[in-house]
Protein backbone atom coordinates (compact mmCIF):
# COMPACT_ATOMS: atom_id res chain seq x y z
CA MET A 1 151.83 73.16 7.07
CA ASN A 2 149.14 74.72 9.27
CA ARG A 3 147.21 77.85 8.41
CA ARG A 4 149.20 80.12 10.73
CA THR A 5 152.54 78.96 9.32
CA LEU A 6 151.31 79.39 5.76
CA LEU A 7 150.09 82.92 6.39
CA ALA A 8 153.22 83.92 8.29
CA ALA A 9 155.35 82.76 5.37
CA GLY A 10 153.14 84.60 2.90
CA ALA A 11 153.20 87.78 4.93
CA SER A 12 156.98 87.71 5.18
CA LEU A 13 157.23 87.33 1.43
CA ALA A 14 154.70 90.11 0.87
CA ALA A 15 156.80 92.44 2.99
CA LEU A 16 159.79 92.14 0.67
CA PRO A 17 160.51 95.03 -1.74
CA LEU A 18 158.75 94.68 -5.07
CA ILE A 19 161.85 94.26 -7.26
CA LEU A 20 161.44 94.09 -11.01
CA PRO A 21 163.42 91.65 -13.15
CA ARG A 22 166.59 93.11 -14.70
CA GLY A 23 165.76 95.15 -17.78
CA ALA A 24 162.06 95.42 -16.96
CA ALA A 25 162.18 98.62 -14.88
CA ALA A 26 162.04 100.95 -17.86
CA GLN A 27 158.96 99.25 -19.30
CA ALA A 28 157.05 98.87 -16.03
CA ALA A 29 154.00 100.98 -15.36
CA GLN A 30 154.04 102.31 -11.80
CA ILE A 31 151.01 103.20 -9.70
CA THR A 32 150.92 104.51 -6.16
CA GLY A 33 148.34 104.00 -3.46
CA ALA A 34 148.01 104.67 0.25
CA GLY A 35 145.58 104.02 3.06
CA ALA A 36 144.06 101.18 4.99
CA THR A 37 146.32 98.80 6.91
CA PHE A 38 143.46 96.27 7.09
CA PRO A 39 144.00 94.96 3.51
CA ASN A 40 147.76 95.61 3.32
CA PRO A 41 148.83 91.93 3.43
CA VAL A 42 146.63 90.97 0.47
CA TYR A 43 147.44 94.12 -1.53
CA GLN A 44 151.16 93.40 -1.17
CA LYS A 45 150.66 89.78 -2.18
CA TRP A 46 148.52 90.76 -5.19
CA ALA A 47 151.09 93.35 -6.23
CA GLU A 48 153.88 90.80 -6.16
CA ALA A 49 151.90 88.24 -8.15
CA ALA A 50 150.46 90.71 -10.68
CA ARG A 51 153.77 92.35 -11.55
CA ALA A 52 154.88 89.76 -14.10
CA ALA A 53 151.41 89.27 -15.56
CA THR A 54 150.50 92.94 -16.02
CA GLY A 55 153.77 94.86 -16.05
CA ILE A 56 152.36 97.10 -13.34
CA GLN A 57 154.46 97.88 -10.28
CA VAL A 58 152.36 98.84 -7.28
CA ASN A 59 153.75 101.02 -4.50
CA TYR A 60 151.19 100.77 -1.68
CA GLN A 61 151.78 102.53 1.63
CA SER A 62 149.95 101.13 4.66
CA VAL A 63 149.33 104.41 6.49
CA GLY A 64 145.73 104.10 7.69
CA SER A 65 142.38 104.91 6.14
CA GLY A 66 142.32 108.52 7.31
CA ALA A 67 145.67 109.28 5.71
CA GLY A 68 144.67 107.41 2.57
CA ILE A 69 141.51 109.48 2.19
CA ASN A 70 143.49 112.70 2.65
CA GLN A 71 146.13 111.67 0.12
CA ILE A 72 143.64 110.78 -2.61
CA ARG A 73 141.70 113.98 -1.98
CA ASN A 74 144.96 115.87 -2.45
CA ARG A 75 145.81 113.70 -5.49
CA THR A 76 149.24 112.81 -4.13
CA VAL A 77 148.60 109.11 -4.96
CA ASP A 78 146.80 107.32 -7.80
CA PHE A 79 144.34 105.58 -5.49
CA GLY A 80 143.32 105.73 -1.87
CA ALA A 81 142.21 102.86 0.33
CA THR A 82 139.75 102.93 3.21
CA ASP A 83 137.82 100.48 5.34
CA ALA A 84 135.32 103.20 6.27
CA PRO A 85 133.24 103.85 3.15
CA LEU A 86 132.61 107.44 2.16
CA LYS A 87 129.06 108.70 1.80
CA PRO A 88 127.72 109.56 -1.67
CA GLU A 89 127.93 113.29 -0.98
CA GLN A 90 131.57 112.94 0.14
CA LEU A 91 132.41 111.00 -3.01
CA ALA A 92 130.72 113.59 -5.21
CA GLU A 93 132.43 116.50 -3.46
CA ALA A 94 135.89 114.93 -3.92
CA ASN A 95 135.19 113.54 -7.42
CA LEU A 96 135.84 109.97 -6.34
CA LEU A 97 134.57 106.55 -7.37
CA GLN A 98 134.43 103.98 -4.57
CA PHE A 99 134.53 100.21 -5.02
CA PRO A 100 135.24 97.19 -2.80
CA THR A 101 138.14 94.82 -3.39
CA VAL A 102 137.91 92.09 -0.76
CA MET A 103 136.39 91.39 2.63
CA GLY A 104 138.21 90.82 5.88
CA SER A 105 137.44 90.16 9.51
CA LEU A 106 138.35 91.84 12.77
CA VAL A 107 139.29 89.74 15.76
CA ALA A 108 139.89 90.46 19.41
CA ILE A 109 143.44 89.60 20.47
CA VAL A 110 144.60 89.14 24.07
CA ASN A 111 147.77 88.55 26.05
CA ILE A 112 146.70 86.73 29.21
CA PRO A 113 149.06 84.30 30.97
CA GLY A 114 147.76 80.75 30.69
CA ILE A 115 145.15 81.51 28.03
CA GLU A 116 145.71 79.88 24.66
CA ASN A 117 144.37 80.67 21.22
CA GLU A 118 140.55 80.66 20.86
CA GLN A 119 139.99 79.57 24.47
CA LEU A 120 138.57 82.78 25.92
CA ARG A 121 134.90 83.60 25.33
CA LEU A 122 133.76 87.21 25.10
CA THR A 123 130.60 89.04 24.06
CA GLY A 124 130.18 92.33 22.27
CA GLU A 125 128.72 93.82 25.41
CA LEU A 126 131.78 92.80 27.44
CA LEU A 127 134.11 94.21 24.79
CA ALA A 128 132.23 97.50 24.88
CA ASP A 129 132.44 97.67 28.67
CA ILE A 130 136.18 96.89 28.58
CA TYR A 131 136.79 99.78 26.18
CA LEU A 132 134.42 101.98 28.22
CA GLY A 133 136.64 101.32 31.24
CA LYS A 134 133.85 99.61 33.18
CA ILE A 135 135.56 96.19 33.29
CA THR A 136 139.18 96.55 34.37
CA ARG A 137 140.47 93.10 35.45
CA TRP A 138 140.51 89.74 33.73
CA ASN A 139 138.98 87.96 36.72
CA ASP A 140 135.90 90.17 36.61
CA PRO A 141 132.88 87.98 37.52
CA ARG A 142 131.17 88.64 34.17
CA ILE A 143 134.17 87.28 32.26
CA VAL A 144 134.70 84.39 34.67
CA ASP A 145 131.04 83.37 34.37
CA LEU A 146 131.40 82.93 30.60
CA ASN A 147 134.65 80.99 30.94
CA ARG A 148 134.13 78.30 33.55
CA GLY A 149 137.03 75.89 33.35
CA LEU A 150 139.57 78.60 32.55
CA THR A 151 141.77 80.14 35.22
CA LEU A 152 141.65 83.89 34.70
CA PRO A 153 144.26 85.91 36.62
CA ASN A 154 143.73 88.93 38.81
CA LEU A 155 145.44 91.03 36.15
CA ALA A 156 144.65 94.53 34.92
CA ILE A 157 143.13 94.74 31.45
CA ALA A 158 145.15 96.98 29.12
CA PRO A 159 143.02 97.91 26.11
CA ALA A 160 144.88 98.91 22.95
CA TYR A 161 143.28 100.91 20.15
CA ARG A 162 144.25 102.69 16.97
CA ALA A 163 145.73 106.13 17.56
CA ASP A 164 145.49 107.11 13.89
CA GLY A 165 142.40 107.71 11.77
CA SER A 166 141.46 104.16 10.97
CA GLY A 167 138.89 102.21 9.00
CA THR A 168 139.67 99.27 11.28
CA THR A 169 138.52 101.41 14.20
CA PHE A 170 135.44 102.41 12.21
CA VAL A 171 134.48 98.75 11.82
CA TRP A 172 135.30 97.90 15.44
CA VAL A 173 133.31 100.75 16.97
CA SER A 174 130.46 100.13 14.50
CA TYR A 175 130.21 96.69 16.06
CA LEU A 176 130.41 98.01 19.62
CA ALA A 177 127.70 100.57 18.82
CA ALA A 178 125.52 97.82 17.33
CA VAL A 179 125.63 95.73 20.52
CA SER A 180 125.96 98.41 23.22
CA PRO A 181 123.51 101.33 23.46
CA GLU A 182 125.85 102.96 26.00
CA TRP A 183 128.74 102.85 23.55
CA LYS A 184 126.58 104.26 20.79
CA GLU A 185 125.45 107.15 23.01
CA LYS A 186 128.71 107.99 24.79
CA VAL A 187 131.36 107.26 22.15
CA GLY A 188 129.67 106.72 18.82
CA VAL A 189 131.13 105.65 15.48
CA GLY A 190 133.95 107.10 13.38
CA THR A 191 137.40 106.46 12.02
CA SER A 192 138.74 108.24 15.09
CA VAL A 193 136.85 108.30 18.40
CA ARG A 194 137.75 109.25 21.97
CA PHE A 195 138.27 105.89 23.67
CA PRO A 196 137.40 106.10 27.38
CA ALA A 197 140.06 103.51 28.31
CA GLY A 198 143.34 102.20 27.01
CA THR A 199 146.32 103.39 24.98
CA GLY A 200 146.72 104.06 21.28
CA ALA A 201 149.05 102.55 18.69
CA ARG A 202 149.49 103.30 14.99
CA GLY A 203 148.19 100.84 12.43
CA ASN A 204 147.08 97.24 12.74
CA GLU A 205 150.80 96.54 13.07
CA GLY A 206 151.08 98.81 16.10
CA VAL A 207 148.08 97.33 17.91
CA ALA A 208 149.32 93.79 17.22
CA GLY A 209 152.75 94.73 18.56
CA THR A 210 151.32 96.35 21.69
CA VAL A 211 149.20 93.33 22.57
CA ARG A 212 152.13 90.98 21.96
CA GLN A 213 154.34 92.98 24.36
CA VAL A 214 151.94 93.94 27.19
CA ARG A 215 150.67 91.41 29.74
CA GLY A 216 146.93 91.78 30.17
CA ALA A 217 146.46 93.59 26.86
CA ILE A 218 143.49 93.31 24.53
CA GLY A 219 143.20 94.81 21.07
CA TYR A 220 141.47 94.57 17.72
CA VAL A 221 143.13 93.83 14.40
CA GLU A 222 142.42 92.37 11.01
CA ASN A 223 142.71 88.61 11.31
CA ALA A 224 145.81 88.40 9.12
CA TYR A 225 147.80 90.43 11.67
CA ALA A 226 146.73 88.12 14.50
CA ILE A 227 147.86 85.07 12.55
CA THR A 228 151.08 86.60 11.25
CA ASN A 229 152.08 87.69 14.77
CA ARG A 230 150.87 84.41 16.32
CA LEU A 231 148.61 86.26 18.72
CA VAL A 232 145.89 84.75 20.87
CA THR A 233 142.40 85.34 19.50
CA THR A 234 139.08 84.87 21.27
CA GLN A 235 135.69 83.44 20.58
CA ILE A 236 132.88 86.01 20.34
CA ARG A 237 129.16 85.47 20.78
CA ASN A 238 127.30 86.28 17.56
CA LYS A 239 123.85 87.72 16.96
CA ALA A 240 122.31 84.25 17.04
CA GLY A 241 123.70 83.76 20.56
CA ASN A 242 126.39 81.27 19.59
CA PHE A 243 130.06 81.51 20.49
CA VAL A 244 132.04 81.25 17.26
CA LYS A 245 135.74 81.00 16.56
CA PRO A 246 137.45 83.18 13.95
CA SER A 247 137.67 80.92 10.89
CA HIS A 248 137.26 81.18 7.15
CA GLU A 249 133.96 79.34 7.51
CA SER A 250 132.53 81.77 10.07
CA PHE A 251 133.80 84.76 8.06
CA THR A 252 132.22 83.44 4.87
CA ALA A 253 128.93 82.76 6.66
CA ALA A 254 128.79 86.44 7.67
CA ALA A 255 129.85 87.72 4.24
CA ALA A 256 127.00 85.84 2.57
CA ALA A 257 124.55 88.34 4.09
CA ALA A 258 126.15 91.38 2.41
CA ASP A 259 123.91 93.72 0.40
CA TRP A 260 126.01 95.35 -2.34
CA SER A 261 123.17 97.32 -3.91
CA VAL A 262 123.69 100.33 -1.63
CA PRO A 263 125.40 103.48 -2.99
CA GLY A 264 129.17 103.23 -3.23
CA PHE A 265 128.94 99.46 -2.65
CA ALA A 266 129.02 100.27 1.07
CA ALA A 267 127.70 96.93 2.34
CA ASN A 268 127.32 96.57 6.11
CA ILE A 269 128.41 93.11 7.32
CA VAL A 270 128.65 93.88 11.04
CA ASP A 271 126.61 91.75 13.47
CA THR A 272 124.76 89.90 10.71
CA PRO A 273 122.34 87.08 11.53
CA GLY A 274 123.24 83.45 11.04
CA PRO A 275 124.08 80.65 13.48
CA ASP A 276 127.69 80.33 12.31
CA ALA A 277 128.43 83.96 11.35
CA TRP A 278 131.45 85.80 12.75
CA PRO A 279 130.10 89.15 14.03
CA ILE A 280 132.80 91.54 12.75
CA VAL A 281 133.32 91.23 8.99
CA ALA A 282 133.72 94.18 6.63
CA PRO A 283 134.66 95.02 3.05
CA THR A 284 137.53 97.33 2.26
CA PHE A 285 137.38 99.97 -0.47
CA ILE A 286 139.41 101.76 -3.12
CA LEU A 287 138.91 105.45 -3.91
CA LEU A 288 139.67 106.39 -7.50
CA PRO A 289 139.41 109.92 -8.94
CA THR A 290 136.69 110.38 -11.55
CA ASN A 291 138.76 113.27 -12.96
CA PRO A 292 142.26 111.73 -12.90
CA THR A 293 145.23 114.00 -13.50
CA ASP A 294 146.89 111.10 -15.35
CA PRO A 295 144.30 108.92 -17.18
CA ALA A 296 146.91 106.31 -18.06
CA ARG A 297 147.83 105.74 -14.42
CA SER A 298 144.15 105.60 -13.49
CA ALA A 299 143.60 102.96 -16.19
CA ASN A 300 146.49 100.96 -14.74
CA VAL A 301 144.88 101.05 -11.30
CA ARG A 302 141.78 99.49 -12.85
CA ARG A 303 143.92 96.97 -14.76
CA PHE A 304 145.61 95.93 -11.53
CA PHE A 305 142.38 95.39 -9.61
CA ASP A 306 140.77 93.72 -12.63
CA TRP A 307 143.68 91.26 -12.55
CA ALA A 308 143.15 90.78 -8.81
CA PHE A 309 139.44 90.09 -9.30
CA ALA A 310 140.22 87.48 -11.97
CA ASN A 311 143.30 85.88 -10.42
CA GLY A 312 143.61 86.90 -6.77
CA ASP A 313 140.95 84.89 -4.95
CA ALA A 314 143.24 82.01 -4.00
CA LEU A 315 145.85 84.41 -2.62
CA ALA A 316 143.15 86.26 -0.66
CA LYS A 317 141.87 83.02 0.89
CA GLU A 318 145.42 81.97 1.73
CA LEU A 319 145.69 85.16 3.77
CA GLU A 320 142.27 84.56 5.40
CA TYR A 321 140.42 87.25 3.42
CA ILE A 322 137.06 86.64 1.75
CA PRO A 323 136.85 87.27 -2.01
CA LEU A 324 133.99 89.30 -3.42
CA PRO A 325 131.12 87.43 -5.10
CA GLN A 326 131.46 87.27 -8.87
CA ALA A 327 128.31 89.38 -9.31
CA THR A 328 129.86 92.13 -7.19
CA LYS A 329 133.08 92.06 -9.21
CA ASP A 330 131.03 92.37 -12.38
CA ALA A 331 129.10 95.29 -10.89
CA VAL A 332 132.39 97.04 -10.05
CA ARG A 333 133.61 96.55 -13.62
CA GLY A 334 130.30 98.00 -14.80
CA ALA A 335 130.85 101.06 -12.62
CA TRP A 336 134.30 101.50 -14.20
CA ARG A 337 132.81 101.32 -17.70
CA ASN A 338 130.07 103.78 -16.82
CA GLN A 339 132.56 106.27 -15.42
CA PHE A 340 135.60 105.84 -17.65
CA GLY A 341 134.21 104.12 -20.75
CA ALA A 342 136.59 101.19 -20.45
């Protein structure tokens, strides 16, 4: 069974309702979370696997980082999830503790007749110019020059982006700003920016669906969505000047450069050096109230993620995510103890 088939099967299973065994519903502890779509496949898979081991039933809503931040600030869920880390002052103001759970990668996905998976070569500068509206057709000389041997059609480029407040967008535009001074000056970085070109869709699911349906489309999604939807991904030139394919090996090579000592564990893994590093890798984060309205539910959130840290690495790798280093997991557990005493 190849990697795409394995992930597609896992994602289908993860999408099923989390049904408790008969007689267990009354004893189950329930926790609710909402936010980032980026880690949704692995959170659903962890929730399914952890249910029997911990007795905790997780209801996680994949609504986007912006909505997740708002919901945890309003305390309408037990935990929020975001791919765009909050700054220390934002965490203090909202009485939140932030910690990473796993790392994932963003890929560029395209729908170009005649172009197969991982054939097309792109650079960060070209991606920025496509989303700036400066490159509008797939047979543009700059794209053709990088892809000698491929037949690129005279077809309009249809960029797709996230319409909702999105940590995935934050990571994507952080990369574009890192490689394109024009992007950094004209558009900037945020969970929601004014894209000069293209059309918006909600969630990683929406962008994946748009690219699958529209000839000439290009978009950005977490790698799991590209694999699950059997979309065509591209090679991207990394900081070392090498064209790399999206693979667990190239993702891991990038993740090895992460510095977790920064406040809020907000490691930056975008455009890291390394000959084999994929240029767009990022951690995803949980936001947990330091003054929980229900301490028991807060403790169960920590129990769930503690289980995931101890038992979830294989499931994460199966879904093409990158587990945290053991030292980082231990540091997160230390932050829990310092804040909650257990």
